Amino acid sequence: MKFVDIPDSQRIECEPNNRSIIFTDGKITQDGMEIRQIELLQYIIKTDKTLGDYSIITALIDTDHGQIEILYDEGYRGNDALNESANMLIQNLGLSGLILRSLISLKNKLETIEK
């Protein structure tokens, strides 16, 4: 089951323009959930002649309880926005925060369904 936790999610109903796998083929367990893969997805929404591409970058977390796609970054971030976001995530210890935020959102979505 896949959940999307993004404001105005209609903006990302198309296929992403780019993908970057951050973590795969490993097992991270957090709060009783096994994380199978973490991926950043880039959706290029529009291009400005001066500012460049306007991107929505999301994180897709695949767990043994389902998938959750959450907003990671958004805005005019240049031509290499996805790689820069991936590097920032990996180099600045942002991965643990991303995992915790994603799992909280996923648990909330699962609890809503169970009710």
PDB file of N, CA and C in Angstrom:
ATOM      1  N   MET A   1       0.842  -1.164   0.000  1.00  0.00           N
ATOM      2  CA  MET A   1       0.000   0.000   0.000  1.00  0.00           C
ATOM      3  C   MET A   1       0.898   1.242   0.000  1.00  0.00           C
ATOM      4  N   LYS A   2       0.548   2.214  -0.820  1.00  0.00           N
ATOM      5  CA  LYS A   2       1.339   3.441  -0.909  1.00  0.00           C
ATOM      6  C   LYS A   2       0.488   4.627  -0.460  1.00  0.00           C
ATOM      7  N   PHE A   3       1.097   5.472   0.381  1.00  0.00           N
ATOM      8  CA  PHE A   3       0.468   6.694   0.850  1.00  0.00           C
ATOM      9  C   PHE A   3       1.278   7.880   0.361  1.00  0.00           C
ATOM     10  N   VAL A   4       0.584   8.963   0.052  1.00  0.00           N
ATOM     11  CA  VAL A   4       1.247  10.202  -0.345  1.00  0.00           C
ATOM     12  C   VAL A   4       0.860  11.256   0.678  1.00  0.00           C
ATOM     13  N   ASP A   5       1.870  11.803   1.349  1.00  0.00           N
ATOM     14  CA  ASP A   5       1.650  12.822   2.374  1.00  0.00           C
ATOM     15  C   ASP A   5       2.318  14.117   1.921  1.00  0.00           C
ATOM     16  N   ILE A   6       1.687  14.736   0.913  1.00  0.00           N
ATOM     17  CA  ILE A   6       2.228  15.947   0.311  1.00  0.00           C
ATOM     18  C   ILE A   6       1.084  16.934   0.117  1.00  0.00           C
ATOM     19  N   PRO A   7       1.267  18.179   0.549  1.00  0.00           N
ATOM     20  CA  PRO A   7       0.222  19.175   0.281  1.00  0.00           C
ATOM     21  C   PRO A   7       0.011  19.323  -1.228  1.00  0.00           C
ATOM     22  N   ASP A   8      -1.226  19.377  -1.643  1.00  0.00           N
ATOM     23  CA  ASP A   8      -1.581  19.530  -3.058  1.00  0.00           C
ATOM     24  C   ASP A   8      -0.907  18.448  -3.907  1.00  0.00           C
ATOM     25  N   SER A   9      -1.177  17.205  -3.564  1.00  0.00           N
ATOM     26  CA  SER A   9      -0.506  16.071  -4.207  1.00  0.00           C
ATOM     27  C   SER A   9      -0.819  15.922  -5.696  1.00  0.00           C
ATOM     28  N   GLN A  10      -1.803  16.661  -6.215  1.00  0.00           N
ATOM     29  CA  GLN A  10      -2.092  16.591  -7.649  1.00  0.00           C
ATOM     30  C   GLN A  10      -0.901  17.061  -8.482  1.00  0.00           C
ATOM     31  N   ARG A  11      -0.036  17.876  -7.880  1.00  0.00           N
ATOM     32  CA  ARG A  11       1.122  18.387  -8.622  1.00  0.00           C
ATOM     33  C   ARG A  11       2.115  17.292  -8.970  1.00  0.00           C
ATOM     34  N   ILE A  12       2.051  16.152  -8.289  1.00  0.00           N
ATOM     35  CA  ILE A  12       3.019  15.079  -8.542  1.00  0.00           C
ATOM     36  C   ILE A  12       2.348  13.796  -9.024  1.00  0.00           C
ATOM     37  N   GLU A  13       1.230  13.914  -9.679  1.00  0.00           N
ATOM     38  CA  GLU A  13       0.538  12.719 -10.164  1.00  0.00           C
ATOM     39  C   GLU A  13       1.204  12.107 -11.389  1.00  0.00           C
ATOM     40  N   CYS A  14       2.111  12.820 -12.011  1.00  0.00           N
ATOM     41  CA  CYS A  14       2.835  12.295 -13.172  1.00  0.00           C
ATOM     42  C   CYS A  14       4.044  11.472 -12.686  1.00  0.00           C
ATOM     43  N   GLU A  15       4.715  10.850 -13.638  1.00  0.00           N
ATOM     44  CA  GLU A  15       5.948  10.136 -13.312  1.00  0.00           C
ATOM     45  C   GLU A  15       7.034  11.152 -12.977  1.00  0.00           C
ATOM     46  N   PRO A  16       7.916  10.833 -12.022  1.00  0.00           N
ATOM     47  CA  PRO A  16       9.002  11.770 -11.705  1.00  0.00           C
ATOM     48  C   PRO A  16       9.966  11.919 -12.885  1.00  0.00           C
ATOM     49  N   ASN A  17      10.579  13.099 -12.973  1.00  0.00           N
ATOM     50  CA  ASN A  17      11.556  13.346 -14.028  1.00  0.00           C
ATOM     51  C   ASN A  17      12.886  12.657 -13.743  1.00  0.00           C
ATOM     52  N   ASN A  18      13.252  12.565 -12.464  1.00  0.00           N
ATOM     53  CA  ASN A  18      14.520  11.956 -12.058  1.00  0.00           C
ATOM     54  C   ASN A  18      14.328  11.222 -10.740  1.00  0.00           C
ATOM     55  N   ARG A  19      15.207  10.257 -10.498  1.00  0.00           N
ATOM     56  CA  ARG A  19      15.204   9.477  -9.256  1.00  0.00           C
ATOM     57  C   ARG A  19      16.630   9.299  -8.759  1.00  0.00           C
ATOM     58  N   SER A  20      16.772   9.212  -7.446  1.00  0.00           N
ATOM     59  CA  SER A  20      18.071   8.921  -6.854  1.00  0.00           C
ATOM     60  C   SER A  20      17.851   7.984  -5.670  1.00  0.00           C
ATOM     61  N   ILE A  21      18.414   6.793  -5.767  1.00  0.00           N
ATOM     62  CA  ILE A  21      18.280   5.831  -4.671  1.00  0.00           C
ATOM     63  C   ILE A  21      19.327   6.170  -3.614  1.00  0.00           C
ATOM     64  N   ILE A  22      18.845   6.363  -2.390  1.00  0.00           N
ATOM     65  CA  ILE A  22      19.717   6.719  -1.272  1.00  0.00           C
ATOM     66  C   ILE A  22      20.137   5.477  -0.501  1.00  0.00           C
ATOM     67  N   PHE A  23      19.216   4.552  -0.368  1.00  0.00           N
ATOM     68  CA  PHE A  23      19.452   3.342   0.423  1.00  0.00           C
ATOM     69  C   PHE A  23      18.636   2.212  -0.173  1.00  0.00           C
ATOM     70  N   THR A  24      19.266   1.048  -0.350  1.00  0.00           N
ATOM     71  CA  THR A  24      18.546  -0.114  -0.866  1.00  0.00           C
ATOM     72  C   THR A  24      19.265  -1.387  -0.447  1.00  0.00           C
ATOM     73  N   ASP A  25      18.580  -2.486  -0.577  1.00  0.00           N
ATOM     74  CA  ASP A  25      19.149  -3.811  -0.307  1.00  0.00           C
ATOM     75  C   ASP A  25      19.741  -3.956   1.087  1.00  0.00           C
ATOM     76  N   GLY A  26      19.239  -3.209   1.999  1.00  0.00           N
ATOM     77  CA  GLY A  26      19.713  -3.326   3.361  1.00  0.00           C
ATOM     78  C   GLY A  26      18.530  -3.384   4.285  1.00  0.00           C
ATOM     79  N   LYS A  27      18.819  -3.483   5.534  1.00  0.00           N
ATOM     80  CA  LYS A  27      17.720  -3.548   6.493  1.00  0.00           C
ATOM     81  C   LYS A  27      18.005  -2.575   7.623  1.00  0.00           C
ATOM     82  N   ILE A  28      17.188  -1.559   7.668  1.00  0.00           N
ATOM     83  CA  ILE A  28      17.194  -0.647   8.807  1.00  0.00           C
ATOM     84  C   ILE A  28      15.870  -0.890   9.515  1.00  0.00           C
ATOM     85  N   THR A  29      15.924  -1.114  10.799  1.00  0.00           N
ATOM     86  CA  THR A  29      14.692  -1.282  11.558  1.00  0.00           C
ATOM     87  C   THR A  29      14.564  -0.111  12.515  1.00  0.00           C
ATOM     88  N   GLN A  30      13.412   0.529  12.459  1.00  0.00           N
ATOM     89  CA  GLN A  30      13.127   1.671  13.321  1.00  0.00           C
ATOM     90  C   GLN A  30      11.690   1.543  13.795  1.00  0.00           C
ATOM     91  N   ASP A  31      11.490   1.591  15.091  1.00  0.00           N
ATOM     92  CA  ASP A  31      10.147   1.523  15.673  1.00  0.00           C
ATOM     93  C   ASP A  31       9.343   0.340  15.159  1.00  0.00           C
ATOM     94  N   GLY A  32       9.986  -0.805  15.003  1.00  0.00           N
ATOM     95  CA  GLY A  32       9.299  -2.017  14.585  1.00  0.00           C
ATOM     96  C   GLY A  32       9.011  -2.103  13.097  1.00  0.00           C
ATOM     97  N   MET A  33       9.501  -1.164  12.316  1.00  0.00           N
ATOM     98  CA  MET A  33       9.312  -1.196  10.864  1.00  0.00           C
ATOM     99  C   MET A  33      10.656  -1.403  10.178  1.00  0.00           C
ATOM    100  N   GLU A  34      10.652  -2.283   9.191  1.00  0.00           N
ATOM    101  CA  GLU A  34      11.857  -2.520   8.408  1.00  0.00           C
ATOM    102  C   GLU A  34      11.838  -1.615   7.182  1.00  0.00           C
ATOM    103  N   ILE A  35      12.876  -0.831   7.025  1.00  0.00           N
ATOM    104  CA  ILE A  35      12.995   0.069   5.873  1.00  0.00           C
ATOM    105  C   ILE A  35      13.795  -0.650   4.802  1.00  0.00           C
ATOM    106  N   ARG A  36      13.172  -0.813   3.647  1.00  0.00           N
ATOM    107  CA  ARG A  36      13.791  -1.565   2.557  1.00  0.00           C
ATOM    108  C   ARG A  36      14.525  -0.674   1.575  1.00  0.00           C
ATOM    109  N   GLN A  37      13.955   0.505   1.312  1.00  0.00           N
ATOM    110  CA  GLN A  37      14.570   1.408   0.329  1.00  0.00           C
ATOM    111  C   GLN A  37      14.152   2.841   0.610  1.00  0.00           C
ATOM    112  N   ILE A  38      15.074   3.749   0.349  1.00  0.00           N
ATOM    113  CA  ILE A  38      14.807   5.184   0.422  1.00  0.00           C
ATOM    114  C   ILE A  38      15.243   5.779  -0.903  1.00  0.00           C
ATOM    115  N   GLU A  39      14.352   6.560  -1.495  1.00  0.00           N
ATOM    116  CA  GLU A  39      14.607   7.115  -2.819  1.00  0.00           C
ATOM    117  C   GLU A  39      14.118   8.561  -2.849  1.00  0.00           C
ATOM    118  N   LEU A  40      14.876   9.435  -3.494  1.00  0.00           N
ATOM    119  CA  LEU A  40      14.416  10.795  -3.741  1.00  0.00           C
ATOM    120  C   LEU A  40      13.891  10.873  -5.169  1.00  0.00           C
ATOM    121  N   LEU A  41      12.744  11.528  -5.336  1.00  0.00           N
ATOM    122  CA  LEU A  41      12.121  11.694  -6.643  1.00  0.00           C
ATOM    123  C   LEU A  41      12.024  13.180  -6.961  1.00  0.00           C
ATOM    124  N   GLN A  42      12.316  13.548  -8.184  1.00  0.00           N
ATOM    125  CA  GLN A  42      12.240  14.946  -8.603  1.00  0.00           C
ATOM    126  C   GLN A  42      11.151  15.109  -9.656  1.00  0.00           C
ATOM    127  N   TYR A  43      10.238  16.031  -9.375  1.00  0.00           N
ATOM    128  CA  TYR A  43       9.197  16.405 -10.324  1.00  0.00           C
ATOM    129  C   TYR A  43       9.478  17.846 -10.740  1.00  0.00           C
ATOM    130  N   ILE A  44       9.778  18.067 -12.011  1.00  0.00           N
ATOM    131  CA  ILE A  44      10.017  19.416 -12.502  1.00  0.00           C
ATOM    132  C   ILE A  44       8.666  19.983 -12.910  1.00  0.00           C
ATOM    133  N   ILE A  45       8.242  21.012 -12.207  1.00  0.00           N
ATOM    134  CA  ILE A  45       6.904  21.570 -12.384  1.00  0.00           C
ATOM    135  C   ILE A  45       6.877  22.633 -13.477  1.00  0.00           C
ATOM    136  N   LYS A  46       7.888  23.487 -13.484  1.00  0.00           N
ATOM    137  CA  LYS A  46       7.957  24.535 -14.506  1.00  0.00           C
ATOM    138  C   LYS A  46       9.395  25.019 -14.611  1.00  0.00           C
ATOM    139  N   THR A  47       9.659  25.746 -15.683  1.00  0.00           N
ATOM    140  CA  THR A  47      10.992  26.296 -15.907  1.00  0.00           C
ATOM    141  C   THR A  47      10.872  27.791 -16.164  1.00  0.00           C
ATOM    142  N   ASP A  48      11.692  28.548 -15.455  1.00  0.00           N
ATOM    143  CA  ASP A  48      11.760  29.993 -15.619  1.00  0.00           C
ATOM    144  C   ASP A  48      13.072  30.314 -16.332  1.00  0.00           C
ATOM    145  N   LYS A  49      13.038  31.256 -17.270  1.00  0.00           N
ATOM    146  CA  LYS A  49      14.253  31.598 -18.026  1.00  0.00           C
ATOM    147  C   LYS A  49      15.368  32.099 -17.112  1.00  0.00           C
ATOM    148  N   THR A  50      15.020  32.800 -16.067  1.00  0.00           N
ATOM    149  CA  THR A  50      16.019  33.357 -15.162  1.00  0.00           C
ATOM    150  C   THR A  50      16.345  32.412 -14.007  1.00  0.00           C
ATOM    151  N   LEU A  51      15.336  31.848 -13.386  1.00  0.00           N
ATOM    152  CA  LEU A  51      15.518  31.049 -12.176  1.00  0.00           C
ATOM    153  C   LEU A  51      15.789  29.574 -12.439  1.00  0.00           C
ATOM    154  N   GLY A  52      15.491  29.096 -13.628  1.00  0.00           N
ATOM    155  CA  GLY A  52      15.694  27.678 -13.939  1.00  0.00           C
ATOM    156  C   GLY A  52      14.487  26.835 -13.579  1.00  0.00           C
ATOM    157  N   ASP A  53      14.743  25.574 -13.250  1.00  0.00           N
ATOM    158  CA  ASP A  53      13.673  24.620 -12.972  1.00  0.00           C
ATOM    159  C   ASP A  53      13.094  24.804 -11.578  1.00  0.00           C
ATOM    160  N   TYR A  54      11.764  24.720 -11.506  1.00  0.00           N
ATOM    161  CA  TYR A  54      11.073  24.668 -10.220  1.00  0.00           C
ATOM    162  C   TYR A  54      10.791  23.193  -9.961  1.00  0.00           C
ATOM    163  N   SER A  55      11.377  22.651  -8.905  1.00  0.00           N
ATOM    164  CA  SER A  55      11.281  21.225  -8.624  1.00  0.00           C
ATOM    165  C   SER A  55      10.558  20.961  -7.314  1.00  0.00           C
ATOM    166  N   ILE A  56       9.828  19.867  -7.308  1.00  0.00           N
ATOM    167  CA  ILE A  56       9.322  19.286  -6.075  1.00  0.00           C
ATOM    168  C   ILE A  56      10.118  18.004  -5.892  1.00  0.00           C
ATOM    169  N   ILE A  57      10.815  17.912  -4.775  1.00  0.00           N
ATOM    170  CA  ILE A  57      11.599  16.718  -4.485  1.00  0.00           C
ATOM    171  C   ILE A  57      10.932  16.007  -3.314  1.00  0.00           C
ATOM    172  N   THR A  58      10.606  14.748  -3.547  1.00  0.00           N
ATOM    173  CA  THR A  58       9.954  13.963  -2.517  1.00  0.00           C
ATOM    174  C   THR A  58      10.859  12.801  -2.112  1.00  0.00           C
ATOM    175  N   ALA A  59      10.583  12.260  -0.941  1.00  0.00           N
ATOM    176  CA  ALA A  59      11.272  11.064  -0.473  1.00  0.00           C
ATOM    177  C   ALA A  59      10.257   9.932  -0.472  1.00  0.00           C
ATOM    178  N   LEU A  60      10.613   8.837  -1.101  1.00  0.00           N
ATOM    179  CA  LEU A  60       9.778   7.643  -1.126  1.00  0.00           C
ATOM    180  C   LEU A  60      10.453   6.601  -0.250  1.00  0.00           C
ATOM    181  N   ILE A  61       9.771   6.225   0.838  1.00  0.00           N
ATOM    182  CA  ILE A  61      10.316   5.264   1.791  1.00  0.00           C
ATOM    183  C   ILE A  61       9.497   3.988   1.669  1.00  0.00           C
ATOM    184  N   ASP A  62      10.172   2.889   1.378  1.00  0.00           N
ATOM    185  CA  ASP A  62       9.526   1.583   1.237  1.00  0.00           C
ATOM    186  C   ASP A  62       9.809   0.774   2.499  1.00  0.00           C
ATOM    187  N   THR A  63       8.736   0.366   3.196  1.00  0.00           N
ATOM    188  CA  THR A  63       8.871  -0.410   4.429  1.00  0.00           C
ATOM    189  C   THR A  63       8.092  -1.710   4.308  1.00  0.00           C
ATOM    190  N   ASP A  64       8.229  -2.557   5.308  1.00  0.00           N
ATOM    191  CA  ASP A  64       7.463  -3.792   5.329  1.00  0.00           C
ATOM    192  C   ASP A  64       5.993  -3.552   5.669  1.00  0.00           C
ATOM    193  N   HIS A  65       5.628  -2.318   6.016  1.00  0.00           N
ATOM    194  CA  HIS A  65       4.242  -1.955   6.304  1.00  0.00           C
ATOM    195  C   HIS A  65       3.611  -1.126   5.181  1.00  0.00           C
ATOM    196  N   GLY A  66       4.342  -0.838   4.134  1.00  0.00           N
ATOM    197  CA  GLY A  66       3.846  -0.042   3.029  1.00  0.00           C
ATOM    198  C   GLY A  66       4.836   1.032   2.628  1.00  0.00           C
ATOM    199  N   GLN A  67       4.431   1.854   1.672  1.00  0.00           N
ATOM    200  CA  GLN A  67       5.271   2.948   1.189  1.00  0.00           C
ATOM    201  C   GLN A  67       4.644   4.276   1.575  1.00  0.00           C
ATOM    202  N   ILE A  68       5.523   5.254   1.808  1.00  0.00           N
ATOM    203  CA  ILE A  68       5.069   6.620   2.075  1.00  0.00           C
ATOM    204  C   ILE A  68       5.931   7.561   1.245  1.00  0.00           C
ATOM    205  N   GLU A  69       5.289   8.498   0.576  1.00  0.00           N
ATOM    206  CA  GLU A  69       5.997   9.526  -0.181  1.00  0.00           C
ATOM    207  C   GLU A  69       5.719  10.857   0.501  1.00  0.00           C
ATOM    208  N   ILE A  70       6.784  11.524   0.926  1.00  0.00           N
ATOM    209  CA  ILE A  70       6.636  12.790   1.640  1.00  0.00           C
ATOM    210  C   ILE A  70       7.451  13.876   0.942  1.00  0.00           C
ATOM    211  N   LEU A  71       7.067  15.111   1.193  1.00  0.00           N
ATOM    212  CA  LEU A  71       7.783  16.254   0.629  1.00  0.00           C
ATOM    213  C   LEU A  71       9.149  16.385   1.288  1.00  0.00           C
ATOM    214  N   TYR A  72      10.187  16.532   0.476  1.00  0.00           N
ATOM    215  CA  TYR A  72      11.536  16.750   1.001  1.00  0.00           C
ATOM    216  C   TYR A  72      11.983  18.192   0.757  1.00  0.00           C
ATOM    217  N   ASP A  73      11.788  18.698  -0.458  1.00  0.00           N
ATOM    218  CA  ASP A  73      12.215  20.063  -0.788  1.00  0.00           C
ATOM    219  C   ASP A  73      11.381  20.543  -1.974  1.00  0.00           C
ATOM    220  N   GLU A  74      11.322  21.855  -2.121  1.00  0.00           N
ATOM    221  CA  GLU A  74      10.540  22.432  -3.209  1.00  0.00           C
ATOM    222  C   GLU A  74      11.064  23.821  -3.520  1.00  0.00           C
ATOM    223  N   GLY A  75      11.085  24.161  -4.795  1.00  0.00           N
ATOM    224  CA  GLY A  75      11.458  25.506  -5.192  1.00  0.00           C
ATOM    225  C   GLY A  75      12.377  25.520  -6.396  1.00  0.00           C
ATOM    226  N   TYR A  76      12.868  26.707  -6.706  1.00  0.00           N
ATOM    227  CA  TYR A  76      13.853  26.880  -7.776  1.00  0.00           C
ATOM    228  C   TYR A  76      15.202  26.499  -7.193  1.00  0.00           C
ATOM    229  N   ARG A  77      15.676  25.315  -7.505  1.00  0.00           N
ATOM    230  CA  ARG A  77      16.896  24.787  -6.900  1.00  0.00           C
ATOM    231  C   ARG A  77      18.011  24.539  -7.903  1.00  0.00           C
ATOM    232  N   GLY A  78      17.826  24.967  -9.153  1.00  0.00           N
ATOM    233  CA  GLY A  78      18.883  24.816 -10.144  1.00  0.00           C
ATOM    234  C   GLY A  78      18.761  23.537 -10.941  1.00  0.00           C
ATOM    235  N   ASN A  79      19.721  23.352 -11.843  1.00  0.00           N
ATOM    236  CA  ASN A  79      19.689  22.224 -12.780  1.00  0.00           C
ATOM    237  C   ASN A  79      20.088  20.898 -12.151  1.00  0.00           C
ATOM    238  N   ASP A  80      20.778  20.934 -11.018  1.00  0.00           N
ATOM    239  CA  ASP A  80      21.248  19.708 -10.382  1.00  0.00           C
ATOM    240  C   ASP A  80      20.577  19.512  -9.022  1.00  0.00           C
ATOM    241  N   ALA A  81      19.317  19.890  -8.929  1.00  0.00           N
ATOM    242  CA  ALA A  81      18.596  19.908  -7.654  1.00  0.00           C
ATOM    243  C   ALA A  81      18.540  18.542  -6.985  1.00  0.00           C
ATOM    244  N   LEU A  82      18.309  17.496  -7.747  1.00  0.00           N
ATOM    245  CA  LEU A  82      18.170  16.173  -7.147  1.00  0.00           C
ATOM    246  C   LEU A  82      19.484  15.703  -6.540  1.00  0.00           C
ATOM    247  N   ASN A  83      20.578  15.836  -7.266  1.00  0.00           N
ATOM    248  CA  ASN A  83      21.881  15.416  -6.735  1.00  0.00           C
ATOM    249  C   ASN A  83      22.291  16.248  -5.530  1.00  0.00           C
ATOM    250  N   GLU A  84      22.029  17.535  -5.577  1.00  0.00           N
ATOM    251  CA  GLU A  84      22.354  18.385  -4.437  1.00  0.00           C
ATOM    252  C   GLU A  84      21.532  18.011  -3.212  1.00  0.00           C
ATOM    253  N   SER A  85      20.269  17.696  -3.408  1.00  0.00           N
ATOM    254  CA  SER A  85      19.418  17.267  -2.294  1.00  0.00           C
ATOM    255  C   SER A  85      19.890  15.939  -1.725  1.00  0.00           C
ATOM    256  N   ALA A  86      20.252  15.014  -2.594  1.00  0.00           N
ATOM    257  CA  ALA A  86      20.748  13.708  -2.138  1.00  0.00           C
ATOM    258  C   ALA A  86      22.039  13.868  -1.342  1.00  0.00           C
ATOM    259  N   ASN A  87      22.946  14.687  -1.831  1.00  0.00           N
ATOM    260  CA  ASN A  87      24.196  14.922  -1.107  1.00  0.00           C
ATOM    261  C   ASN A  87      23.952  15.581   0.242  1.00  0.00           C
ATOM    262  N   MET A  88      23.052  16.541   0.285  1.00  0.00           N
ATOM    263  CA  MET A  88      22.718  17.214   1.533  1.00  0.00           C
ATOM    264  C   MET A  88      22.134  16.219   2.535  1.00  0.00           C
ATOM    265  N   LEU A  89      21.261  15.370   2.065  1.00  0.00           N
ATOM    266  CA  LEU A  89      20.626  14.375   2.917  1.00  0.00           C
ATOM    267  C   LEU A  89      21.656  13.422   3.521  1.00  0.00           C
ATOM    268  N   ILE A  90      22.562  12.947   2.703  1.00  0.00           N
ATOM    269  CA  ILE A  90      23.548  11.963   3.152  1.00  0.00           C
ATOM    270  C   ILE A  90      24.641  12.604   4.010  1.00  0.00           C
ATOM    271  N   GLN A  91      25.144  13.759   3.615  1.00  0.00           N
ATOM    272  CA  GLN A  91      26.295  14.357   4.275  1.00  0.00           C
ATOM    273  C   GLN A  91      25.964  15.087   5.568  1.00  0.00           C
ATOM    274  N   ASN A  92      24.725  15.474   5.762  1.00  0.00           N
ATOM    275  CA  ASN A  92      24.389  16.286   6.929  1.00  0.00           C
ATOM    276  C   ASN A  92      23.505  15.568   7.937  1.00  0.00           C
ATOM    277  N   LEU A  93      23.614  14.255   7.991  1.00  0.00           N
ATOM    278  CA  LEU A  93      22.861  13.454   8.956  1.00  0.00           C
ATOM    279  C   LEU A  93      21.359  13.686   8.885  1.00  0.00           C
ATOM    280  N   GLY A  94      20.873  14.035   7.713  1.00  0.00           N
ATOM    281  CA  GLY A  94      19.440  14.249   7.544  1.00  0.00           C
ATOM    282  C   GLY A  94      18.656  12.964   7.369  1.00  0.00           C
ATOM    283  N   LEU A  95      19.355  11.874   7.155  1.00  0.00           N
ATOM    284  CA  LEU A  95      18.697  10.598   6.905  1.00  0.00           C
ATOM    285  C   LEU A  95      17.880  10.129   8.105  1.00  0.00           C
ATOM    286  N   SER A  96      18.421  10.259   9.288  1.00  0.00           N
ATOM    287  CA  SER A  96      17.683   9.799  10.469  1.00  0.00           C
ATOM    288  C   SER A  96      16.418  10.624  10.686  1.00  0.00           C
ATOM    289  N   GLY A  97      16.492  11.922  10.482  1.00  0.00           N
ATOM    290  CA  GLY A  97      15.308  12.769  10.598  1.00  0.00           C
ATOM    291  C   GLY A  97      14.264  12.440   9.552  1.00  0.00           C
ATOM    292  N   LEU A  98      14.705  12.174   8.335  1.00  0.00           N
ATOM    293  CA  LEU A  98      13.803  11.799   7.256  1.00  0.00           C
ATOM    294  C   LEU A  98      13.093  10.483   7.584  1.00  0.00           C
ATOM    295  N   ILE A  99      13.845   9.523   8.086  1.00  0.00           N
ATOM    296  CA  ILE A  99      13.266   8.227   8.446  1.00  0.00           C
ATOM    297  C   ILE A  99      12.216   8.397   9.542  1.00  0.00           C
ATOM    298  N   LEU A 100      12.556   9.123  10.593  1.00  0.00           N
ATOM    299  CA  LEU A 100      11.607   9.316  11.692  1.00  0.00           C
ATOM    300  C   LEU A 100      10.346  10.033  11.223  1.00  0.00           C
ATOM    301  N   ARG A 101      10.511  11.085  10.457  1.00  0.00           N
ATOM    302  CA  ARG A 101       9.364  11.848   9.949  1.00  0.00           C
ATOM    303  C   ARG A 101       8.472  10.977   9.060  1.00  0.00           C
ATOM    304  N   SER A 102       9.092  10.168   8.210  1.00  0.00           N
ATOM    305  CA  SER A 102       8.351   9.300   7.306  1.00  0.00           C
ATOM    306  C   SER A 102       7.573   8.229   8.068  1.00  0.00           C
ATOM    307  N   LEU A 103       8.216   7.624   9.048  1.00  0.00           N
ATOM    308  CA  LEU A 103       7.551   6.558   9.796  1.00  0.00           C
ATOM    309  C   LEU A 103       6.400   7.092  10.638  1.00  0.00           C
ATOM    310  N   ILE A 104       6.551   8.272  11.186  1.00  0.00           N
ATOM    311  CA  ILE A 104       5.440   8.884  11.938  1.00  0.00           C
ATOM    312  C   ILE A 104       4.253   9.103  11.006  1.00  0.00           C
ATOM    313  N   SER A 105       4.516   9.628   9.835  1.00  0.00           N
ATOM    314  CA  SER A 105       3.453   9.865   8.862  1.00  0.00           C
ATOM    315  C   SER A 105       2.808   8.554   8.422  1.00  0.00           C
ATOM    316  N   LEU A 106       3.619   7.533   8.154  1.00  0.00           N
ATOM    317  CA  LEU A 106       3.096   6.231   7.737  1.00  0.00           C
ATOM    318  C   LEU A 106       2.237   5.614   8.833  1.00  0.00           C
ATOM    319  N   LYS A 107       2.706   5.664  10.068  1.00  0.00           N
ATOM    320  CA  LYS A 107       1.928   5.112  11.185  1.00  0.00           C
ATOM    321  C   LYS A 107       0.592   5.832  11.330  1.00  0.00           C
ATOM    322  N   ASN A 108       0.583   7.144  11.168  1.00  0.00           N
ATOM    323  CA  ASN A 108      -0.665   7.897  11.242  1.00  0.00           C
ATOM    324  C   ASN A 108      -1.633   7.481  10.142  1.00  0.00           C
ATOM    325  N   LYS A 109      -1.120   7.291   8.935  1.00  0.00           N
ATOM    326  CA  LYS A 109      -1.964   6.854   7.821  1.00  0.00           C
ATOM    327  C   LYS A 109      -2.522   5.454   8.067  1.00  0.00           C
ATOM    328  N   LEU A 110      -1.678   4.540   8.573  1.00  0.00           N
ATOM    329  CA  LEU A 110      -2.129   3.180   8.849  1.00  0.00           C
ATOM    330  C   LEU A 110      -3.176   3.152   9.945  1.00  0.00           C
ATOM    331  N   GLU A 111      -3.000   3.978  10.985  1.00  0.00           N
ATOM    332  CA  GLU A 111      -3.982   4.041  12.069  1.00  0.00           C
ATOM    333  C   GLU A 111      -5.320   4.558  11.577  1.00  0.00           C
ATOM    334  N   THR A 112      -5.305   5.487  10.645  1.00  0.00           N
ATOM    335  CA  THR A 112      -6.544   6.033  10.076  1.00  0.00           C
ATOM    336  C   THR A 112      -7.312   4.946   9.336  1.00  0.00           C
ATOM    337  N   ILE A 113      -6.595   4.083   8.618  1.00  0.00           N
ATOM    338  CA  ILE A 113      -7.235   3.010   7.869  1.00  0.00           C
ATOM    339  C   ILE A 113      -7.830   1.962   8.820  1.00  0.00           C
ATOM    340  N   GLU A 114      -7.111   1.671   9.900  1.00  0.00           N
ATOM    341  CA  GLU A 114      -7.563   0.643  10.840  1.00  0.00           C
ATOM    342  C   GLU A 114      -8.819   1.045  11.591  1.00  0.00           C
ATOM    343  N   LYS A 115      -9.092   2.339  11.686  1.00  0.00           N
ATOM    344  CA  LYS A 115     -10.259   2.804  12.448  1.00  0.00           C
ATOM    345  C   LYS A 115     -11.547   2.635  11.733  1.00  0.00           C
TER     346      LYS A 115
END
